Amino acid sequence: MITLRTLAFTATLALTIGATAARADLRPEPAHHGEAGHGEGHDAGHGEHGAAAHGDAHGEHGGEHANPKARPQAPEDAHWWIGQEILPISLRDKVAGMIGPSFIDKDPATKLNVGHIFMGLLVFVIGIGLALAARRKVKGSVLPPKSFGAAAFFDIVMEGLMGLMTSMMPREKAVRFLPIVTSAAVFILLSNLLGLLPGFVPPTQSLNTTLALGVTAFIYFTYQGIRAQGIIGFFKHFMGPMLALAPLMFVVELIAYCVRPVSLALRLMGNMFGDHQVLFIFMSFGLPLVPLPLMALGIMVCVVQTVVFSLLFIVYLSLAVEEHDHGDHAEGHGHGEPAHAH
């Protein structure tokens, strides 16, 4: 059974291994052939300069790219992470090749960051394991768990989310929406917390992951809104309360509506990327206990960002389906005036 004691032991072990590997990776590399090739007839300073220039010809950081377990041009290998030890380069190159060039800046597959994909799969496996453990614990039981474990974890998360949802929508709708909101919250929380372990990269620091979450939420609350109101009723509330301003309001409201997944993605990605970079900078100093205050603050950031994403998801769901409760009473132009009257 997964308990707090087991999780603490696993986290401590991962911290020890990660810190040791990170310190080993920060040690200076031995001289390479570039220094010997360009160092004849020069002093040691010129030899080092020649070696650095030779390394820069193959990439931005010659010392880092000398690591045989790193993909030379991939941003995921800018510093050591656990994937370099357990994931062969051939596998990461194959995954990058399956994805193809970057959609935005057209970077080739060799420059694609695929670390977040493997970390996302790891979070998925952890989440499924916790869910199965919680199900086995609570199956056939009506009493809350006595100790903190997977069942207590899900109980806390779902109880908190249910309280937020029932304050914004009827309980029957909250029960229907609770599974997907809980899934998103647990995935984001585990992804955020994973970045606090040395050598692990949080999937949520990549725009690919957060945009996928935002688009998934966008599709779901749009579908639920159309299901509740119908296509005509769903788009009707974009027109505002005045018929004369309906064309302008429709365009403005539609743009604001379509920007929602982007705002969800950028907010989560920006906060987690900044938090992970600050933590990595302090850990790179190699000083014991220095990163611990940052890790404590990082836990708070992870929880807050999970709450923010989940809260906005719930708000958008509530806005998408709330007109249905009053739509049958709409009169005249039907621009949501009865809903605002309540």
Protein backbone atom coordinates (compact mmCIF):
# COMPACT_ATOMS: atom_id res chain seq x y z
CA MET A 1 0.00 0.00 0.00
CA ILE A 2 1.23 3.48 -0.84
CA THR A 3 1.60 5.55 2.33
CA LEU A 4 3.15 8.86 3.25
CA ARG A 5 6.14 7.02 4.74
CA THR A 6 6.73 5.11 1.50
CA LEU A 7 6.46 8.26 -0.59
CA ALA A 8 8.86 10.12 1.72
CA PHE A 9 11.42 7.30 1.53
CA THR A 10 11.17 7.19 -2.28
CA ALA A 11 11.53 10.96 -2.55
CA THR A 12 14.58 10.95 -0.24
CA LEU A 13 16.22 8.19 -2.27
CA ALA A 14 15.56 10.03 -5.52
CA LEU A 15 16.96 13.25 -4.06
CA THR A 16 20.16 11.50 -2.96
CA ILE A 17 20.72 9.76 -6.29
CA GLY A 18 19.85 12.86 -8.30
CA ALA A 19 22.09 15.16 -6.29
CA THR A 20 25.02 12.74 -6.56
CA ALA A 21 24.59 12.39 -10.31
CA ALA A 22 24.20 16.13 -10.76
CA ARG A 23 27.41 16.84 -8.85
CA ALA A 24 29.26 14.23 -10.90
CA ASP A 25 27.99 15.83 -14.10
CA LEU A 26 29.27 19.26 -13.01
CA ARG A 27 32.87 18.11 -12.71
CA PRO A 28 35.22 19.47 -15.39
CA GLU A 29 35.65 17.34 -18.47
CA PRO A 30 39.10 16.08 -19.42
CA ALA A 31 40.93 17.66 -22.34
CA HIS A 32 39.70 16.60 -25.78
CA HIS A 33 41.34 16.25 -29.13
CA GLY A 34 40.44 19.84 -30.04
CA GLU A 35 42.84 21.13 -27.39
CA ALA A 36 45.66 18.90 -28.62
CA GLY A 37 44.96 19.73 -32.26
CA HIS A 38 45.06 23.47 -31.79
CA GLY A 39 47.39 23.70 -28.83
CA GLU A 40 50.76 23.03 -30.53
CA GLY A 41 53.05 25.99 -30.17
CA HIS A 42 50.71 27.75 -27.75
CA ASP A 43 50.49 27.96 -23.98
CA ALA A 44 47.81 26.25 -21.89
CA GLY A 45 45.46 29.24 -22.09
CA HIS A 46 45.52 29.24 -25.88
CA GLY A 47 45.01 25.48 -25.88
CA GLU A 48 41.88 25.79 -23.75
CA HIS A 49 40.59 28.53 -26.01
CA GLY A 50 41.14 26.35 -29.04
CA ALA A 51 39.32 23.45 -27.43
CA ALA A 52 36.37 25.70 -26.57
CA ALA A 53 36.26 27.07 -30.10
CA HIS A 54 36.37 23.55 -31.51
CA GLY A 55 33.52 22.51 -29.17
CA ASP A 56 31.47 25.55 -30.17
CA ALA A 57 31.76 24.52 -33.79
CA HIS A 58 29.64 21.48 -32.93
CA GLY A 59 27.20 23.27 -30.58
CA GLU A 60 26.74 26.00 -28.07
CA HIS A 61 28.24 24.17 -25.09
CA GLY A 62 31.06 21.87 -26.01
CA GLY A 63 31.45 20.42 -22.51
CA GLU A 64 27.80 19.47 -22.27
CA HIS A 65 27.70 18.00 -25.76
CA ALA A 66 30.69 15.81 -24.93
CA ASN A 67 28.30 13.71 -22.87
CA PRO A 68 27.72 10.56 -24.96
CA LYS A 69 24.26 10.13 -23.40
CA ALA A 70 22.99 13.53 -24.53
CA ARG A 71 21.38 14.61 -27.78
CA PRO A 72 23.69 17.43 -28.91
CA GLN A 73 21.02 19.90 -30.08
CA ALA A 74 18.10 18.97 -27.82
CA PRO A 75 17.17 21.56 -25.14
CA GLU A 76 16.17 18.71 -22.79
CA ASP A 77 19.88 17.84 -22.43
CA ALA A 78 21.04 21.35 -21.56
CA HIS A 79 21.64 19.89 -18.10
CA TRP A 80 21.63 16.38 -16.66
CA TRP A 81 18.31 14.63 -16.18
CA ILE A 82 17.32 11.07 -15.37
CA GLY A 83 16.32 10.33 -18.96
CA GLN A 84 19.97 10.37 -20.02
CA GLU A 85 20.56 7.33 -17.83
CA ILE A 86 17.51 5.22 -18.65
CA LEU A 87 16.45 6.38 -22.13
CA PRO A 88 18.83 5.65 -25.02
CA ILE A 89 19.46 8.39 -27.54
CA SER A 90 18.09 6.19 -30.32
CA LEU A 91 14.70 5.98 -28.58
CA ARG A 92 14.50 9.73 -28.02
CA ASP A 93 15.56 10.41 -31.61
CA LYS A 94 12.93 7.97 -32.87
CA VAL A 95 10.20 9.70 -30.85
CA ALA A 96 11.36 13.09 -32.11
CA GLY A 97 11.35 11.77 -35.67
CA MET A 98 7.77 10.49 -35.27
CA ILE A 99 6.68 13.96 -34.12
CA GLY A 100 8.36 15.71 -37.03
CA PRO A 101 9.59 19.31 -37.29
CA SER A 102 8.38 22.02 -34.95
CA PHE A 103 5.02 23.50 -35.95
CA ILE A 104 5.94 27.05 -34.89
CA ASP A 105 9.63 27.63 -35.64
CA LYS A 106 10.14 24.67 -38.02
CA ASP A 107 13.02 23.22 -35.98
CA PRO A 108 14.16 19.80 -37.20
CA ALA A 109 13.53 16.66 -35.17
CA THR A 110 17.09 16.72 -33.79
CA LYS A 111 16.27 19.95 -31.90
CA LEU A 112 12.92 18.82 -30.51
CA ASN A 113 12.46 18.52 -26.76
CA VAL A 114 10.94 15.10 -26.08
CA GLY A 115 11.78 14.92 -22.38
CA HIS A 116 8.34 16.16 -21.37
CA ILE A 117 6.75 13.26 -23.29
CA PHE A 118 8.53 10.62 -21.23
CA MET A 119 7.95 12.56 -18.01
CA GLY A 120 4.26 12.88 -18.90
CA LEU A 121 4.06 9.12 -19.41
CA LEU A 122 5.71 8.62 -16.02
CA VAL A 123 3.14 10.91 -14.38
CA PHE A 124 0.37 8.99 -16.15
CA VAL A 125 1.65 5.68 -14.79
CA ILE A 126 2.00 7.13 -11.27
CA GLY A 127 -1.53 8.55 -11.43
CA ILE A 128 -3.01 5.26 -12.61
CA GLY A 129 -1.13 3.42 -9.85
CA LEU A 130 -2.45 5.79 -7.20
CA ALA A 131 -5.99 5.49 -8.56
CA LEU A 132 -5.88 1.69 -8.50
CA ALA A 133 -4.42 1.68 -4.99
CA ALA A 134 -7.13 4.08 -3.81
CA ARG A 135 -9.84 1.99 -5.44
CA ARG A 136 -8.62 -1.16 -3.74
CA LYS A 137 -8.51 0.63 -0.40
CA VAL A 138 -12.01 2.12 -0.50
CA LYS A 139 -13.79 -0.70 -2.31
CA GLY A 140 -16.60 -1.93 -0.10
CA SER A 141 -15.74 0.56 2.66
CA VAL A 142 -17.89 3.47 3.82
CA LEU A 143 -15.41 4.88 6.34
CA PRO A 144 -12.61 7.31 5.47
CA PRO A 145 -9.06 5.91 5.46
CA LYS A 146 -7.26 5.91 8.80
CA SER A 147 -3.81 6.85 7.42
CA PHE A 148 -2.65 9.11 4.63
CA GLY A 149 -2.26 7.18 1.41
CA ALA A 150 -3.60 7.05 -2.11
CA ALA A 151 -7.21 6.88 -0.90
CA ALA A 152 -6.79 9.86 1.44
CA PHE A 153 -5.01 11.80 -1.31
CA PHE A 154 -7.91 11.39 -3.73
CA ASP A 155 -10.41 12.03 -0.96
CA ILE A 156 -8.81 15.41 -0.20
CA VAL A 157 -8.52 16.42 -3.85
CA MET A 158 -12.05 15.37 -4.83
CA GLU A 159 -13.62 16.86 -1.71
CA GLY A 160 -11.98 20.21 -2.40
CA LEU A 161 -12.94 20.22 -6.07
CA MET A 162 -16.49 19.17 -5.27
CA GLY A 163 -16.83 22.06 -2.85
CA LEU A 164 -15.72 24.53 -5.53
CA MET A 165 -18.00 23.04 -8.17
CA THR A 166 -21.14 22.94 -6.02
CA SER A 167 -20.64 26.63 -5.24
CA MET A 168 -20.89 27.46 -8.96
CA MET A 169 -23.33 24.89 -10.40
CA PRO A 170 -26.01 22.41 -9.34
CA ARG A 171 -24.75 19.31 -7.57
CA GLU A 172 -25.89 16.89 -10.29
CA LYS A 173 -23.78 18.74 -12.84
CA ALA A 174 -20.84 18.91 -10.46
CA VAL A 175 -20.97 15.14 -10.01
CA ARG A 176 -20.99 14.68 -13.78
CA PHE A 177 -18.00 16.97 -14.34
CA LEU A 178 -15.98 15.85 -11.30
CA PRO A 179 -14.08 12.95 -12.95
CA ILE A 180 -12.43 14.97 -15.73
CA VAL A 181 -11.68 17.94 -13.45
CA THR A 182 -10.09 15.59 -10.92
CA SER A 183 -8.06 13.89 -13.65
CA ALA A 184 -6.68 17.22 -14.85
CA ALA A 185 -5.93 18.39 -11.30
CA VAL A 186 -4.12 15.18 -10.30
CA PHE A 187 -2.08 15.10 -13.52
CA ILE A 188 -1.03 18.75 -13.12
CA LEU A 189 -0.21 18.37 -9.43
CA LEU A 190 1.92 15.25 -9.93
CA SER A 191 3.65 16.83 -12.94
CA ASN A 192 4.45 19.97 -10.97
CA LEU A 193 5.76 18.05 -7.95
CA LEU A 194 7.91 15.83 -10.17
CA GLY A 195 10.00 18.86 -11.10
CA LEU A 196 11.12 19.26 -7.48
CA LEU A 197 13.13 16.03 -7.66
CA PRO A 198 16.67 16.46 -9.01
CA GLY A 199 17.02 14.92 -12.44
CA PHE A 200 13.31 15.02 -13.20
CA VAL A 201 11.73 17.49 -15.60
CA PRO A 202 8.14 18.65 -14.95
CA PRO A 203 6.01 17.98 -18.04
CA THR A 204 4.08 21.16 -17.29
CA GLN A 205 7.09 23.37 -18.00
CA SER A 206 6.62 22.55 -21.70
CA LEU A 207 4.06 24.50 -23.71
CA ASN A 208 3.24 21.28 -25.57
CA THR A 209 1.90 19.69 -22.38
CA THR A 210 0.07 22.72 -21.00
CA LEU A 211 -1.47 23.59 -24.36
CA ALA A 212 -2.71 20.00 -24.69
CA LEU A 213 -4.32 20.36 -21.25
CA GLY A 214 -5.82 23.72 -22.18
CA VAL A 215 -7.20 22.46 -25.50
CA THR A 216 -8.66 19.37 -23.81
CA ALA A 217 -10.42 21.56 -21.24
CA PHE A 218 -11.59 23.90 -24.03
CA ILE A 219 -13.08 21.05 -26.08
CA TYR A 220 -14.79 19.58 -23.03
CA PHE A 221 -16.51 22.72 -21.71
CA THR A 222 -17.45 23.73 -25.27
CA TYR A 223 -19.03 20.33 -25.83
CA GLN A 224 -20.88 20.50 -22.52
CA GLY A 225 -22.12 24.02 -23.35
CA ILE A 226 -23.45 22.95 -26.76
CA ARG A 227 -24.96 19.83 -25.22
CA ALA A 228 -26.74 21.88 -22.57
CA GLN A 229 -27.99 24.74 -24.75
CA GLY A 230 -27.84 23.55 -28.33
CA ILE A 231 -25.66 25.18 -30.98
CA ILE A 232 -27.90 28.23 -31.46
CA GLY A 233 -28.39 28.82 -27.76
CA PHE A 234 -24.67 28.35 -27.08
CA PHE A 235 -23.57 31.00 -29.56
CA LYS A 236 -26.47 33.30 -28.72
CA HIS A 237 -24.94 34.46 -25.45
CA PHE A 238 -21.89 35.75 -27.38
CA MET A 239 -24.10 38.51 -28.83
CA GLY A 240 -24.53 40.50 -25.64
CA PRO A 241 -27.68 42.16 -24.26
CA MET A 242 -28.19 44.71 -27.06
CA LEU A 243 -29.22 43.73 -30.57
CA ALA A 244 -27.55 46.81 -32.11
CA LEU A 245 -24.15 45.76 -30.72
CA ALA A 246 -24.65 42.05 -31.39
CA PRO A 247 -22.27 41.79 -34.43
CA LEU A 248 -19.44 43.58 -32.59
CA MET A 249 -20.01 41.74 -29.32
CA PHE A 250 -20.10 38.39 -31.10
CA VAL A 251 -16.63 38.93 -32.58
CA VAL A 252 -15.16 40.23 -29.31
CA GLU A 253 -16.69 37.48 -27.17
CA LEU A 254 -15.72 34.76 -29.64
CA ILE A 255 -12.08 35.90 -29.65
CA ALA A 256 -12.03 36.06 -25.85
CA TYR A 257 -13.56 32.60 -25.71
CA CYS A 258 -11.03 31.06 -28.11
CA VAL A 259 -8.10 32.59 -26.18
CA ARG A 260 -9.02 30.65 -23.03
CA PRO A 261 -6.94 27.51 -23.75
CA VAL A 262 -3.92 29.66 -24.63
CA SER A 263 -4.19 31.65 -21.41
CA LEU A 264 -4.52 28.43 -19.40
CA ALA A 265 -1.45 26.96 -21.11
CA LEU A 266 0.80 30.03 -20.88
CA ARG A 267 -0.02 30.72 -17.23
CA LEU A 268 0.79 27.18 -16.11
CA MET A 269 3.85 26.78 -18.34
CA GLY A 270 5.37 30.13 -17.38
CA ASN A 271 5.07 29.59 -13.65
CA MET A 272 6.41 26.04 -13.70
CA PHE A 273 9.26 26.85 -16.08
CA GLY A 274 10.38 29.75 -13.89
CA ASP A 275 10.09 27.73 -10.69
CA HIS A 276 12.11 24.83 -12.13
CA GLN A 277 14.84 27.09 -13.49
CA VAL A 278 15.29 28.90 -10.17
CA LEU A 279 15.48 25.59 -8.32
CA PHE A 280 18.03 24.20 -10.79
CA ILE A 281 20.23 27.30 -10.46
CA PHE A 282 20.38 26.95 -6.68
CA MET A 283 21.02 23.20 -6.88
CA SER A 284 23.87 23.75 -9.33
CA PHE A 285 25.80 25.54 -6.56
CA GLY A 286 26.40 22.15 -4.93
CA LEU A 287 25.81 23.54 -1.43
CA PRO A 288 23.95 21.22 0.97
CA LEU A 289 20.56 22.31 2.30
CA VAL A 290 20.55 25.54 0.25
CA PRO A 291 17.79 24.37 -2.15
CA LEU A 292 15.48 23.20 0.66
CA PRO A 293 13.74 26.60 1.21
CA LEU A 294 13.29 26.88 -2.56
CA MET A 295 11.80 23.39 -2.64
CA ALA A 296 9.36 24.33 0.14
CA LEU A 297 8.28 27.38 -1.84
CA GLY A 298 8.17 25.20 -4.94
CA ILE A 299 5.63 22.89 -3.29
CA MET A 300 3.40 25.89 -2.65
CA VAL A 301 3.78 27.03 -6.27
CA CYS A 302 2.88 23.53 -7.49
CA VAL A 303 -0.29 23.43 -5.41
CA VAL A 304 -1.32 27.00 -6.26
CA GLN A 305 -0.91 26.47 -10.00
CA THR A 306 -2.96 23.28 -9.79
CA VAL A 307 -5.73 25.13 -7.95
CA VAL A 308 -5.66 28.02 -10.45
CA PHE A 309 -5.99 25.76 -13.49
CA SER A 310 -8.72 23.65 -11.85
CA LEU A 311 -10.62 26.72 -10.67
CA LEU A 312 -10.60 28.31 -14.13
CA PHE A 313 -11.65 24.99 -15.66
CA ILE A 314 -14.61 24.86 -13.26
CA VAL A 315 -15.52 28.50 -13.94
CA TYR A 316 -15.51 27.94 -17.70
CA LEU A 317 -17.66 24.83 -17.27
CA SER A 318 -20.09 26.75 -15.11
CA LEU A 319 -20.33 29.60 -17.63
CA ALA A 320 -20.82 27.15 -20.48
CA VAL A 321 -23.82 25.41 -18.94
CA GLU A 322 -25.39 28.09 -16.72
CA GLU A 323 -27.47 29.64 -19.52
CA HIS A 324 -29.27 26.33 -19.91
CA ASP A 325 -30.82 26.77 -16.49
CA HIS A 326 -32.51 30.01 -17.57
CA GLY A 327 -32.62 29.60 -21.31
CA ASP A 328 -36.16 28.23 -21.25
CA HIS A 329 -37.35 31.52 -19.76
CA ALA A 330 -35.58 33.72 -22.30
CA GLU A 331 -37.80 36.11 -24.13
CA GLY A 332 -37.30 38.56 -26.98
CA HIS A 333 -33.83 38.46 -28.46
CA GLY A 334 -32.58 35.90 -25.94
CA HIS A 335 -29.19 37.46 -25.19
CA GLY A 336 -28.96 36.20 -21.62
CA GLU A 337 -30.89 39.08 -19.92
CA PRO A 338 -32.94 36.74 -17.66
CA ALA A 339 -29.72 35.02 -16.59
CA HIS A 340 -28.16 38.31 -15.56
CA ALA A 341 -31.31 39.29 -13.72
CA HIS A 342 -30.65 36.43 -11.30
